[in-house]
Amino acid sequence: MNSEAPEKDPREQAARLRELLAIPERQRTDAQWDEIIDIEINLGPKKPSGGQPPRQDTGDGRRQQAKRPGNKPSVPGKHLRKHRP
């Protein structure tokens, strides 16, 4: 792992990433691939430190949990059944 990457300015890391990505894939060394991966990890989105999904305020004092993609909203008391066509 490259020990310099976390200490650098994000703009410098982005410039270095562009330089590395300009090299054709077939010509990149293993060290260059490792550096690309390290920079992408450092520049990527950061995970919230709480470990829980973010919550949103609904405006009336209650807090609503953020919706997760792919989850369908559940309707209390209703069971959805799948029928054959």
Protein backbone atom coordinates (compact mmCIF):
# COMPACT_ATOMS: atom_id res chain seq x y z
CA MET A 1 0.00 0.00 0.00
CA ASN A 2 1.25 3.47 -0.78
CA SER A 3 1.93 5.33 2.48
CA GLU A 4 2.03 8.74 0.74
CA ALA A 5 -1.53 8.67 -0.59
CA PRO A 6 -3.49 9.56 2.59
CA GLU A 7 -1.22 12.54 3.32
CA LYS A 8 -1.62 14.17 -0.10
CA ASP A 9 -4.08 16.86 -1.08
CA PRO A 10 -7.18 15.38 -2.80
CA ARG A 11 -6.48 17.58 -5.85
CA GLU A 12 -2.96 16.14 -6.12
CA GLN A 13 -4.34 12.61 -5.77
CA ALA A 14 -6.93 13.28 -8.48
CA ALA A 15 -4.22 14.61 -10.80
CA ARG A 16 -2.04 11.55 -10.13
CA LEU A 17 -5.02 9.27 -10.75
CA ARG A 18 -5.59 10.95 -14.14
CA GLU A 19 -1.92 10.39 -15.00
CA LEU A 20 -2.13 6.72 -14.09
CA LEU A 21 -5.41 6.19 -15.94
CA ALA A 22 -3.84 7.71 -19.07
CA ILE A 23 -1.51 4.70 -19.23
CA PRO A 24 -3.08 1.89 -21.30
CA GLU A 25 -4.24 -0.98 -19.09
CA ARG A 26 -1.95 -3.52 -20.76
CA GLN A 27 1.10 -1.37 -20.03
CA ARG A 28 0.42 -0.70 -16.33
CA THR A 29 2.66 -2.33 -13.75
CA ASP A 30 1.34 -4.01 -10.62
CA ALA A 31 2.63 -1.07 -8.57
CA GLN A 32 0.67 1.34 -10.78
CA TRP A 33 -2.48 -0.75 -10.40
CA ASP A 34 -2.00 -0.76 -6.62
CA GLU A 35 -1.53 3.02 -6.60
CA ILE A 36 -4.70 3.49 -8.69
CA ILE A 37 -6.69 1.36 -6.24
CA ASP A 38 -5.28 3.20 -3.20
CA ILE A 39 -6.09 6.61 -4.67
CA GLU A 40 -9.62 5.53 -5.67
CA ILE A 41 -10.25 4.28 -2.14
CA ASN A 42 -8.95 7.51 -0.61
CA LEU A 43 -10.98 9.70 -2.97
CA GLY A 44 -14.15 7.59 -2.77
CA PRO A 45 -17.20 8.36 -0.67
CA LYS A 46 -16.67 8.15 3.06
CA LYS A 47 -18.83 5.90 5.21
CA PRO A 48 -20.62 7.63 8.11
CA SER A 49 -18.88 6.86 11.40
CA GLY A 50 -22.11 6.00 13.26
CA GLY A 51 -22.61 2.66 11.54
CA GLN A 52 -26.33 3.39 11.13
CA PRO A 53 -28.05 4.75 8.02
CA PRO A 54 -28.65 8.51 8.11
CA ARG A 55 -31.95 9.73 9.48
CA GLN A 56 -34.08 12.53 8.08
CA ASP A 57 -36.19 14.98 10.05
CA THR A 58 -39.82 15.04 8.87
CA GLY A 59 -40.40 18.56 10.19
CA ASP A 60 -42.97 17.61 12.82
CA GLY A 61 -40.49 16.50 15.46
CA ARG A 62 -40.42 12.88 14.33
CA ARG A 63 -37.43 11.38 12.61
CA GLN A 64 -37.76 9.18 9.61
CA GLN A 65 -35.20 6.60 8.61
CA ALA A 66 -33.70 7.10 5.17
CA LYS A 67 -35.14 4.84 2.49
CA ARG A 68 -32.92 2.10 1.24
CA PRO A 69 -32.88 1.43 -2.49
CA GLY A 70 -34.51 -1.81 -3.47
CA ASN A 71 -36.71 -2.09 -0.37
CA LYS A 72 -40.41 -1.83 -0.97
CA PRO A 73 -42.48 0.07 1.59
CA SER A 74 -44.51 -2.26 3.76
CA VAL A 75 -48.18 -1.76 4.45
CA PRO A 76 -49.16 -2.73 8.01
CA GLY A 77 -51.65 -5.60 8.16
CA LYS A 78 -51.36 -6.48 4.50
CA HIS A 79 -49.63 -9.54 3.17
CA LEU A 80 -48.74 -9.42 -0.48
CA ARG A 81 -49.28 -12.71 -2.23
CA LYS A 82 -47.91 -13.63 -5.58
CA HIS A 83 -50.36 -15.23 -7.95
CA ARG A 84 -49.56 -17.26 -10.99
CA PRO A 85 -50.61 -15.61 -14.24
